Full PDB file with SEQRES, HELIX, SHEET, SSBOND, CRYST1, ORIGX, SCALE, CONECT and MASTER records, all heavy atoms in Angstrom:
SEQRES   1 A   35  PRO PHE ARG ILE ASP ALA THR PRO VAL CYS ASN ALA ASP          
SEQRES   2 A   35  TYR ALA GLN PHE ILE ALA ALA GLY GLY TYR ASP ASP GLN          
SEQRES   3 A   35  ARG TRP TRP HIS PRO GLU GLY TRP ALA                          
HELIX    1 AA1 ASN A   11  ALA A   19  1                                   9    
HELIX    2 AA2 GLY A   22  ASP A   24  5                                   3    
HELIX    3 AA3 GLN A   26  TRP A   28  5                                   3    
HELIX    4 AA4 PRO A   31  TRP A   34  1                                   4    
CRYST1    1.000    1.000    1.000  90.00  90.00  90.00 P 1           1          
ORIGX1      1.000000  0.000000  0.000000        0.00000                         
ORIGX2      0.000000  1.000000  0.000000        0.00000                         
ORIGX3      0.000000  0.000000  1.000000        0.00000                         
SCALE1      1.000000  0.000000  0.000000        0.00000                         
SCALE2      0.000000  1.000000  0.000000        0.00000                         
SCALE3      0.000000  0.000000  1.000000        0.00000                         
ATOM      1  N   PRO A   1     100.600 103.146 205.041  1.00  0.00           N  
ATOM      2  CA  PRO A   1     101.914 102.498 205.057  1.00  0.00           C  
ATOM      3  C   PRO A   1     102.131 101.695 203.774  1.00  0.00           C  
ATOM      4  O   PRO A   1     101.182 101.197 203.159  1.00  0.00           O  
ATOM      5  CB  PRO A   1     101.858 101.596 206.289  1.00  0.00           C  
ATOM      6  CG  PRO A   1     100.403 101.393 206.555  1.00  0.00           C  
ATOM      7  CD  PRO A   1      99.717 102.641 206.106  1.00  0.00           C  
ATOM      8  N   PHE A   2     103.388 101.574 203.373  1.00  0.00           N  
ATOM      9  CA  PHE A   2     103.714 100.818 202.153  1.00  0.00           C  
ATOM     10  C   PHE A   2     105.110 100.247 202.296  1.00  0.00           C  
ATOM     11  O   PHE A   2     105.874 100.602 203.202  1.00  0.00           O  
ATOM     12  CB  PHE A   2     103.607 101.705 200.910  1.00  0.00           C  
ATOM     13  CG  PHE A   2     104.564 102.879 200.876  1.00  0.00           C  
ATOM     14  CD1 PHE A   2     105.785 102.789 200.202  1.00  0.00           C  
ATOM     15  CD2 PHE A   2     104.241 104.081 201.497  1.00  0.00           C  
ATOM     16  CE1 PHE A   2     106.663 103.861 200.166  1.00  0.00           C  
ATOM     17  CE2 PHE A   2     105.116 105.160 201.464  1.00  0.00           C  
ATOM     18  CZ  PHE A   2     106.322 105.046 200.794  1.00  0.00           C  
ATOM     19  N   ARG A   3     105.435  99.349 201.381  1.00  0.00           N  
ATOM     20  CA  ARG A   3     106.770  98.783 201.299  1.00  0.00           C  
ATOM     21  C   ARG A   3     107.352  99.132 199.928  1.00  0.00           C  
ATOM     22  O   ARG A   3     106.632  99.184 198.942  1.00  0.00           O  
ATOM     23  CB  ARG A   3     106.739  97.268 201.500  1.00  0.00           C  
ATOM     24  CG  ARG A   3     106.250  96.865 202.888  1.00  0.00           C  
ATOM     25  CD  ARG A   3     106.239  95.361 203.092  1.00  0.00           C  
ATOM     26  NE  ARG A   3     107.582  94.794 203.068  1.00  0.00           N  
ATOM     27  CZ  ARG A   3     108.436  94.805 204.086  1.00  0.00           C  
ATOM     28  NH1 ARG A   3     108.073  95.383 205.234  1.00  0.00           N  
ATOM     29  NH2 ARG A   3     109.630  94.259 203.992  1.00  0.00           N  
ATOM     30  N   ILE A   4     108.655  99.389 199.908  1.00  0.00           N  
ATOM     31  CA  ILE A   4     109.317  99.802 198.670  1.00  0.00           C  
ATOM     32  C   ILE A   4     110.670  99.121 198.604  1.00  0.00           C  
ATOM     33  O   ILE A   4     111.307  98.863 199.643  1.00  0.00           O  
ATOM     34  CB  ILE A   4     109.443 101.340 198.583  1.00  0.00           C  
ATOM     35  CG1 ILE A   4     109.940 101.781 197.195  1.00  0.00           C  
ATOM     36  CG2 ILE A   4     110.332 101.897 199.688  1.00  0.00           C  
ATOM     37  CD1 ILE A   4     109.803 103.291 196.957  1.00  0.00           C  
ATOM     38  N   ASP A   5     111.115  98.783 197.399  1.00  0.00           N  
ATOM     39  CA  ASP A   5     112.398  98.109 197.236  1.00  0.00           C  
ATOM     40  C   ASP A   5     113.539  98.943 197.801  1.00  0.00           C  
ATOM     41  O   ASP A   5     113.593 100.166 197.595  1.00  0.00           O  
ATOM     42  CB  ASP A   5     112.675  97.834 195.758  1.00  0.00           C  
ATOM     43  CG  ASP A   5     111.761  96.775 195.163  1.00  0.00           C  
ATOM     44  OD1 ASP A   5     111.022  96.126 195.925  1.00  0.00           O  
ATOM     45  OD2 ASP A   5     111.797  96.605 193.924  1.00  0.00           O  
ATOM     46  N   ALA A   6     114.469  98.269 198.454  1.00  0.00           N  
ATOM     47  CA  ALA A   6     115.626  98.957 199.011  1.00  0.00           C  
ATOM     48  C   ALA A   6     116.592  99.426 197.933  1.00  0.00           C  
ATOM     49  O   ALA A   6     117.369 100.354 198.153  1.00  0.00           O  
ATOM     50  CB  ALA A   6     116.351  98.041 200.003  1.00  0.00           C  
ATOM     51  N   THR A   7     116.549  98.798 196.764  1.00  0.00           N  
ATOM     52  CA  THR A   7     117.418  99.173 195.648  1.00  0.00           C  
ATOM     53  C   THR A   7     116.610  99.135 194.355  1.00  0.00           C  
ATOM     54  O   THR A   7     115.542  98.524 194.298  1.00  0.00           O  
ATOM     55  CB  THR A   7     118.607  98.192 195.505  1.00  0.00           C  
ATOM     56  OG1 THR A   7     118.104  96.889 195.181  1.00  0.00           O  
ATOM     57  CG2 THR A   7     119.435  98.125 196.776  1.00  0.00           C  
ATOM     58  N   PRO A   8     117.115  99.737 193.291  1.00  0.00           N  
ATOM     59  CA  PRO A   8     116.453  99.578 191.991  1.00  0.00           C  
ATOM     60  C   PRO A   8     116.495  98.119 191.543  1.00  0.00           C  
ATOM     61  O   PRO A   8     117.345  97.337 191.977  1.00  0.00           O  
ATOM     62  CB  PRO A   8     117.290 100.466 191.053  1.00  0.00           C  
ATOM     63  CG  PRO A   8     118.061 101.377 191.938  1.00  0.00           C  
ATOM     64  CD  PRO A   8     118.297 100.624 193.207  1.00  0.00           C  
ATOM     65  N   VAL A   9     115.583  97.759 190.668  1.00  0.00           N  
ATOM     66  CA  VAL A   9     115.569  96.414 190.086  1.00  0.00           C  
ATOM     67  C   VAL A   9     116.840  96.229 189.252  1.00  0.00           C  
ATOM     68  O   VAL A   9     117.205  97.096 188.445  1.00  0.00           O  
ATOM     69  CB  VAL A   9     114.315  96.218 189.216  1.00  0.00           C  
ATOM     70  CG1 VAL A   9     114.392  94.917 188.424  1.00  0.00           C  
ATOM     71  CG2 VAL A   9     113.067  96.235 190.101  1.00  0.00           C  
ATOM     72  N   CYS A  10     117.514  95.104 189.445  1.00  0.00           N  
ATOM     73  CA  CYS A  10     118.789  94.874 188.770  1.00  0.00           C  
ATOM     74  C   CYS A  10     118.604  94.067 187.487  1.00  0.00           C  
ATOM     75  O   CYS A  10     117.551  93.466 187.246  1.00  0.00           O  
ATOM     76  CB  CYS A  10     119.776  94.180 189.700  1.00  0.00           C  
ATOM     77  SG  CYS A  10     119.329  92.483 190.121  1.00  0.00           S  
ATOM     78  N   ASN A  11     119.669  94.028 186.681  1.00  0.00           N  
ATOM     79  CA  ASN A  11     119.619  93.299 185.412  1.00  0.00           C  
ATOM     80  C   ASN A  11     119.311  91.817 185.605  1.00  0.00           C  
ATOM     81  O   ASN A  11     118.577  91.221 184.807  1.00  0.00           O  
ATOM     82  CB  ASN A  11     120.952  93.448 184.676  1.00  0.00           C  
ATOM     83  CG  ASN A  11     121.151  94.832 184.090  1.00  0.00           C  
ATOM     84  OD1 ASN A  11     120.202  95.502 183.701  1.00  0.00           O  
ATOM     85  ND2 ASN A  11     122.403  95.266 184.033  1.00  0.00           N  
ATOM     86  N   ALA A  12     119.880  91.211 186.629  1.00  0.00           N  
ATOM     87  CA  ALA A  12     119.655  89.776 186.845  1.00  0.00           C  
ATOM     88  C   ALA A  12     118.190  89.491 187.091  1.00  0.00           C  
ATOM     89  O   ALA A  12     117.623  88.529 186.539  1.00  0.00           O  
ATOM     90  CB  ALA A  12     120.502  89.285 188.019  1.00  0.00           C  
ATOM     91  N   ASP A  13     117.552  90.307 187.922  1.00  0.00           N  
ATOM     92  CA  ASP A  13     116.134  90.087 188.202  1.00  0.00           C  
ATOM     93  C   ASP A  13     115.286  90.366 186.969  1.00  0.00           C  
ATOM     94  O   ASP A  13     114.308  89.657 186.695  1.00  0.00           O  
ATOM     95  CB  ASP A  13     115.689  90.966 189.371  1.00  0.00           C  
ATOM     96  CG  ASP A  13     116.268  90.493 190.698  1.00  0.00           C  
ATOM     97  OD1 ASP A  13     116.707  89.332 190.763  1.00  0.00           O  
ATOM     98  OD2 ASP A  13     116.288  91.289 191.656  1.00  0.00           O  
ATOM     99  N   TYR A  14     115.667  91.390 186.216  1.00  0.00           N  
ATOM    100  CA  TYR A  14     114.893  91.695 185.018  1.00  0.00           C  
ATOM    101  C   TYR A  14     115.041  90.590 183.978  1.00  0.00           C  
ATOM    102  O   TYR A  14     114.091  90.255 183.261  1.00  0.00           O  
ATOM    103  CB  TYR A  14     115.302  93.044 184.432  1.00  0.00           C  
ATOM    104  CG  TYR A  14     114.272  93.587 183.477  1.00  0.00           C  
ATOM    105  CD1 TYR A  14     113.203  94.337 183.949  1.00  0.00           C  
ATOM    106  CD2 TYR A  14     114.340  93.310 182.120  1.00  0.00           C  
ATOM    107  CE1 TYR A  14     112.228  94.811 183.081  1.00  0.00           C  
ATOM    108  CE2 TYR A  14     113.365  93.774 181.252  1.00  0.00           C  
ATOM    109  CZ  TYR A  14     112.313  94.527 181.738  1.00  0.00           C  
ATOM    110  OH  TYR A  14     111.341  94.971 180.879  1.00  0.00           O  
ATOM    111  N   ALA A  15     116.231  89.999 183.897  1.00  0.00           N  
ATOM    112  CA  ALA A  15     116.450  88.891 182.961  1.00  0.00           C  
ATOM    113  C   ALA A  15     115.565  87.694 183.306  1.00  0.00           C  
ATOM    114  O   ALA A  15     115.151  86.942 182.412  1.00  0.00           O  
ATOM    115  CB  ALA A  15     117.921  88.492 182.961  1.00  0.00           C  
ATOM    116  N   GLN A  16     115.247  87.521 184.597  1.00  0.00           N  
ATOM    117  CA  GLN A  16     114.337  86.445 184.994  1.00  0.00           C  
ATOM    118  C   GLN A  16     112.936  86.687 184.442  1.00  0.00           C  
ATOM    119  O   GLN A  16     112.240  85.749 184.029  1.00  0.00           O  
ATOM    120  CB  GLN A  16     114.303  86.320 186.512  1.00  0.00           C  
ATOM    121  CG  GLN A  16     115.577  85.796 187.130  1.00  0.00           C  
ATOM    122  CD  GLN A  16     115.482  85.665 188.641  1.00  0.00           C  
ATOM    123  OE1 GLN A  16     114.395  85.699 189.223  1.00  0.00           O  
ATOM    124  NE2 GLN A  16     116.626  85.518 189.286  1.00  0.00           N  
ATOM    125  N   PHE A  17     112.517  87.937 184.438  1.00  0.00           N  
ATOM    126  CA  PHE A  17     111.228  88.303 183.852  1.00  0.00           C  
ATOM    127  C   PHE A  17     111.195  87.948 182.375  1.00  0.00           C  
ATOM    128  O   PHE A  17     110.215  87.382 181.868  1.00  0.00           O  
ATOM    129  CB  PHE A  17     110.992  89.804 184.072  1.00  0.00           C  
ATOM    130  CG  PHE A  17     109.856  90.403 183.296  1.00  0.00           C  
ATOM    131  CD1 PHE A  17     108.553  90.012 183.513  1.00  0.00           C  
ATOM    132  CD2 PHE A  17     110.095  91.406 182.353  1.00  0.00           C  
ATOM    133  CE1 PHE A  17     107.496  90.594 182.806  1.00  0.00           C  
ATOM    134  CE2 PHE A  17     109.060  91.988 181.647  1.00  0.00           C  
ATOM    135  CZ  PHE A  17     107.756  91.578 181.874  1.00  0.00           C  
ATOM    136  N   ILE A  18     112.288  88.227 181.666  1.00  0.00           N  
ATOM    137  CA  ILE A  18     112.362  87.878 180.244  1.00  0.00           C  
ATOM    138  C   ILE A  18     112.324  86.362 180.074  1.00  0.00           C  
ATOM    139  O   ILE A  18     111.566  85.828 179.247  1.00  0.00           O  
ATOM    140  CB  ILE A  18     113.642  88.459 179.613  1.00  0.00           C  
ATOM    141  CG1 ILE A  18     113.668  89.986 179.729  1.00  0.00           C  
ATOM    142  CG2 ILE A  18     113.756  88.045 178.144  1.00  0.00           C  
ATOM    143  CD1 ILE A  18     114.987  90.612 179.296  1.00  0.00           C  
ATOM    144  N   ALA A  19     113.130  85.664 180.865  1.00  0.00           N  
ATOM    145  CA  ALA A  19     113.212  84.203 180.745  1.00  0.00           C  
ATOM    146  C   ALA A  19     111.887  83.529 181.072  1.00  0.00           C  
ATOM    147  O   ALA A  19     111.567  82.463 180.519  1.00  0.00           O  
ATOM    148  CB  ALA A  19     114.309  83.673 181.662  1.00  0.00           C  
ATOM    149  N   ALA A  20     111.097  84.153 181.933  1.00  0.00           N  
ATOM    150  CA  ALA A  20     109.796  83.591 182.309  1.00  0.00           C  
ATOM    151  C   ALA A  20     108.717  83.897 181.279  1.00  0.00           C  
ATOM    152  O   ALA A  20     107.549  83.554 181.489  1.00  0.00           O  
ATOM    153  CB  ALA A  20     109.379  84.127 183.676  1.00  0.00           C  
ATOM    154  N   GLY A  21     109.095  84.516 180.168  1.00  0.00           N  
ATOM    155  CA  GLY A  21     108.124  84.827 179.125  1.00  0.00           C  
ATOM    156  C   GLY A  21     107.335  86.084 179.386  1.00  0.00           C  
ATOM    157  O   GLY A  21     106.245  86.272 178.825  1.00  0.00           O  
ATOM    158  N   GLY A  22     107.878  86.990 180.191  1.00  0.00           N  
ATOM    159  CA  GLY A  22     107.148  88.199 180.555  1.00  0.00           C  
ATOM    160  C   GLY A  22     106.753  89.074 179.385  1.00  0.00           C  
ATOM    161  O   GLY A  22     105.711  89.741 179.417  1.00  0.00           O  
ATOM    162  N   TYR A  23     107.594  89.073 178.336  1.00  0.00           N  
ATOM    163  CA  TYR A  23     107.279  89.909 177.175  1.00  0.00           C  
ATOM    164  C   TYR A  23     106.209  89.273 176.287  1.00  0.00           C  
ATOM    165  O   TYR A  23     105.714  89.933 175.378  1.00  0.00           O  
ATOM    166  CB  TYR A  23     108.543  90.175 176.363  1.00  0.00           C  
ATOM    167  CG  TYR A  23     109.369  91.327 176.886  1.00  0.00           C  
ATOM    168  CD1 TYR A  23     110.251  91.146 177.955  1.00  0.00           C  
ATOM    169  CD2 TYR A  23     109.267  92.602 176.340  1.00  0.00           C  
ATOM    170  CE1 TYR A  23     111.010  92.196 178.446  1.00  0.00           C  
ATOM    171  CE2 TYR A  23     110.023  93.660 176.819  1.00  0.00           C  
ATOM    172  CZ  TYR A  23     110.888  93.451 177.874  1.00  0.00           C  
ATOM    173  OH  TYR A  23     111.632  94.498 178.363  1.00  0.00           O  
ATOM    174  N   ASP A  24     105.880  88.034 176.543  1.00  0.00           N  
ATOM    175  CA  ASP A  24     104.882  87.349 175.721  1.00  0.00           C  
ATOM    176  C   ASP A  24     103.582  87.074 176.460  1.00  0.00           C  
ATOM    177  O   ASP A  24     102.681  86.440 175.913  1.00  0.00           O  
ATOM    178  CB  ASP A  24     105.453  86.006 175.229  1.00  0.00           C  
ATOM    179  CG  ASP A  24     106.636  86.208 174.297  1.00  0.00           C  
ATOM    180  OD1 ASP A  24     106.525  87.055 173.385  1.00  0.00           O  
ATOM    181  OD2 ASP A  24     107.663  85.551 174.504  1.00  0.00           O  
ATOM    182  N   ASP A  25     103.483  87.555 177.691  1.00  0.00           N  
ATOM    183  CA  ASP A  25     102.308  87.280 178.523  1.00  0.00           C  
ATOM    184  C   ASP A  25     101.510  88.568 178.725  1.00  0.00           C  
ATOM    185  O   ASP A  25     101.902  89.454 179.482  1.00  0.00           O  
ATOM    186  CB  ASP A  25     102.748  86.706 179.871  1.00  0.00           C  
ATOM    187  CG  ASP A  25     101.595  86.091 180.638  1.00  0.00           C  
ATOM    188  OD1 ASP A  25     100.437  86.530 180.440  1.00  0.00           O  
ATOM    189  OD2 ASP A  25     101.840  85.170 181.451  1.00  0.00           O  
ATOM    190  N   GLN A  26     100.389  88.655 178.054  1.00  0.00           N  
ATOM    191  CA  GLN A  26      99.583  89.879 178.059  1.00  0.00           C  
ATOM    192  C   GLN A  26      99.072  90.238 179.446  1.00  0.00           C  
ATOM    193  O   GLN A  26      98.746  91.398 179.703  1.00  0.00           O  
ATOM    194  CB  GLN A  26      98.410  89.707 177.087  1.00  0.00           C  
ATOM    195  CG  GLN A  26      97.589  90.965 176.864  1.00  0.00           C  
ATOM    196  CD  GLN A  26      96.530  90.773 175.795  1.00  0.00           C  
ATOM    197  OE1 GLN A  26      96.466  89.731 175.157  1.00  0.00           O  
ATOM    198  NE2 GLN A  26      95.704  91.790 175.581  1.00  0.00           N  
ATOM    199  N   ARG A  27      99.006  89.249 180.354  1.00  0.00           N  
ATOM    200  CA  ARG A  27      98.459  89.518 181.685  1.00  0.00           C  
ATOM    201  C   ARG A  27      99.199  90.640 182.407  1.00  0.00           C  
ATOM    202  O   ARG A  27      98.599  91.351 183.223  1.00  0.00           O  
ATOM    203  CB  ARG A  27      98.545  88.257 182.554  1.00  0.00           C  
ATOM    204  CG  ARG A  27      97.606  87.139 182.194  1.00  0.00           C  
ATOM    205  CD  ARG A  27      97.851  85.970 183.130  1.00  0.00           C  
ATOM    206  NE  ARG A  27      99.207  85.439 183.020  1.00  0.00           N  
ATOM    207  CZ  ARG A  27      99.760  84.616 183.913  1.00  0.00           C  
ATOM    208  NH1 ARG A  27      99.085  84.269 185.003  1.00  0.00           N  
ATOM    209  NH2 ARG A  27     100.988  84.151 183.722  1.00  0.00           N  
ATOM    210  N   TRP A  28     100.493  90.781 182.146  1.00  0.00           N  
ATOM    211  CA  TRP A  28     101.291  91.725 182.926  1.00  0.00           C  
ATOM    212  C   TRP A  28     101.275  93.135 182.351  1.00  0.00           C  
ATOM    213  O   TRP A  28     101.759  94.063 183.001  1.00  0.00           O  
ATOM    214  CB  TRP A  28     102.735  91.237 183.009  1.00  0.00           C  
ATOM    215  CG  TRP A  28     102.874  89.801 183.372  1.00  0.00           C  
ATOM    216  CD1 TRP A  28     103.569  88.834 182.703  1.00  0.00           C  
ATOM    217  CD2 TRP A  28     102.302  89.133 184.508  1.00  0.00           C  
ATOM    218  NE1 TRP A  28     103.468  87.628 183.324  1.00  0.00           N  
ATOM    219  CE2 TRP A  28     102.693  87.777 184.449  1.00  0.00           C  
ATOM    220  CE3 TRP A  28     101.478  89.548 185.566  1.00  0.00           C  
ATOM    221  CZ2 TRP A  28     102.310  86.839 185.393  1.00  0.00           C  
ATOM    222  CZ3 TRP A  28     101.077  88.626 186.509  1.00  0.00           C  
ATOM    223  CH2 TRP A  28     101.493  87.281 186.432  1.00  0.00           C  
ATOM    224  N   TRP A  29     100.724  93.299 181.175  1.00  0.00           N  
ATOM    225  CA  TRP A  29     100.931  94.547 180.448  1.00  0.00           C  
ATOM    226  C   TRP A  29      99.697  95.446 180.475  1.00  0.00           C  
ATOM    227  O   TRP A  29      98.568  94.985 180.362  1.00  0.00           O  
ATOM    228  CB  TRP A  29     101.307  94.250 178.990  1.00  0.00           C  
ATOM    229  CG  TRP A  29     102.655  93.621 178.882  1.00  0.00           C  
ATOM    230  CD1 TRP A  29     102.963  92.302 179.091  1.00  0.00           C  
ATOM    231  CD2 TRP A  29     103.881  94.272 178.575  1.00  0.00           C  
ATOM    232  NE1 TRP A  29     104.316  92.098 178.925  1.00  0.00           N  
ATOM    233  CE2 TRP A  29     104.904  93.288 178.602  1.00  0.00           C  
ATOM    234  CE3 TRP A  29     104.218  95.586 178.258  1.00  0.00           C  
ATOM    235  CZ2 TRP A  29     106.240  93.581 178.343  1.00  0.00           C  
ATOM    236  CZ3 TRP A  29     105.544  95.879 177.987  1.00  0.00           C  
ATOM    237  CH2 TRP A  29     106.533  94.895 178.033  1.00  0.00           C  
ATOM    238  N   HIS A  30      99.960  96.732 180.607  1.00  0.00           N  
ATOM    239  CA  HIS A  30      98.936  97.745 180.370  1.00  0.00           C  
ATOM    240  C   HIS A  30      98.452  97.567 178.933  1.00  0.00           C  
ATOM    241  O   HIS A  30      99.255  97.287 178.028  1.00  0.00           O  
ATOM    242  CB  HIS A  30      99.556  99.129 180.568  1.00  0.00           C  
ATOM    243  CG  HIS A  30      98.595 100.267 180.480  1.00  0.00           C  
ATOM    244  ND1 HIS A  30      98.071 100.710 179.281  1.00  0.00           N  
ATOM    245  CD2 HIS A  30      98.061 101.062 181.446  1.00  0.00           C  
ATOM    246  CE1 HIS A  30      97.287 101.732 179.512  1.00  0.00           C  
ATOM    247  NE2 HIS A  30      97.249 101.967 180.820  1.00  0.00           N  
ATOM    248  N   PRO A  31      97.141  97.715 178.663  1.00  0.00           N  
ATOM    249  CA  PRO A  31      96.661  97.485 177.290  1.00  0.00           C  
ATOM    250  C   PRO A  31      97.409  98.291 176.237  1.00  0.00           C  
ATOM    251  O   PRO A  31      97.751  97.759 175.169  1.00  0.00           O  
ATOM    252  CB  PRO A  31      95.180  97.885 177.365  1.00  0.00           C  
ATOM    253  CG  PRO A  31      94.808  97.647 178.794  1.00  0.00           C  
ATOM    254  CD  PRO A  31      96.033  97.976 179.600  1.00  0.00           C  
ATOM    255  N   GLU A  32      97.692  99.564 176.528  1.00  0.00           N  
ATOM    256  CA  GLU A  32      98.439 100.357 175.549  1.00  0.00           C  
ATOM    257  C   GLU A  32      99.878  99.873 175.444  1.00  0.00           C  
ATOM    258  O   GLU A  32     100.482  99.900 174.364  1.00  0.00           O  
ATOM    259  CB  GLU A  32      98.388 101.830 175.936  1.00  0.00           C  
ATOM    260  CG  GLU A  32      96.996 102.451 175.839  1.00  0.00           C  
ATOM    261  CD  GLU A  32      96.961 103.890 176.321  1.00  0.00           C  
ATOM    262  OE1 GLU A  32      98.034 104.429 176.661  1.00  0.00           O  
ATOM    263  OE2 GLU A  32      95.850 104.468 176.365  1.00  0.00           O  
ATOM    264  N   GLY A  33     100.433  99.411 176.551  1.00  0.00           N  
ATOM    265  CA  GLY A  33     101.788  98.886 176.534  1.00  0.00           C  
ATOM    266  C   GLY A  33     101.891  97.593 175.748  1.00  0.00           C  
ATOM    267  O   GLY A  33     102.874  97.356 175.033  1.00  0.00           O  
ATOM    268  N   TRP A  34     100.862  96.749 175.865  1.00  0.00           N  
ATOM    269  CA  TRP A  34     100.855  95.499 175.111  1.00  0.00           C  
ATOM    270  C   TRP A  34     100.795  95.769 173.616  1.00  0.00           C  
ATOM    271  O   TRP A  34     101.508  95.140 172.825  1.00  0.00           O  
ATOM    272  CB  TRP A  34      99.681  94.642 175.554  1.00  0.00           C  
ATOM    273  CG  TRP A  34      99.585  93.323 174.852  1.00  0.00           C  
ATOM    274  CD1 TRP A  34      98.630  92.919 173.961  1.00  0.00           C  
ATOM    275  CD2 TRP A  34     100.491  92.214 174.973  1.00  0.00           C  
ATOM    276  NE1 TRP A  34      98.878  91.642 173.521  1.00  0.00           N  
ATOM    277  CE2 TRP A  34     100.019  91.185 174.121  1.00  0.00           C  
ATOM    278  CE3 TRP A  34     101.659  92.004 175.706  1.00  0.00           C  
ATOM    279  CZ2 TRP A  34     100.671  89.959 173.999  1.00  0.00           C  
ATOM    280  CZ3 TRP A  34     102.315  90.789 175.573  1.00  0.00           C  
ATOM    281  CH2 TRP A  34     101.820  89.783 174.742  1.00  0.00           C  
ATOM    282  N   ALA A  35      99.970  96.738 173.219  1.00  0.00           N  
ATOM    283  CA  ALA A  35      99.873  97.101 171.805  1.00  0.00           C  
ATOM    284  C   ALA A  35     101.211  97.653 171.309  1.00  0.00           C  
ATOM    285  O   ALA A  35     101.659  97.325 170.202  1.00  0.00           O  
ATOM    286  CB  ALA A  35      98.756  98.119 171.601  1.00  0.00           C  
TER     287      ALA A  35                                                      
MASTER        0    0    0    4    0    0    0    6  286    1    0    3          
END                                                                             
């Protein structure tokens, strides 16, 4: 069993990831993606 989002991720939620420093935090990134 699993859970899945009822809708695609929206711009507002993605903007929160940016505002939280998601693009600058290596913890969230695949090593090749970070490079």
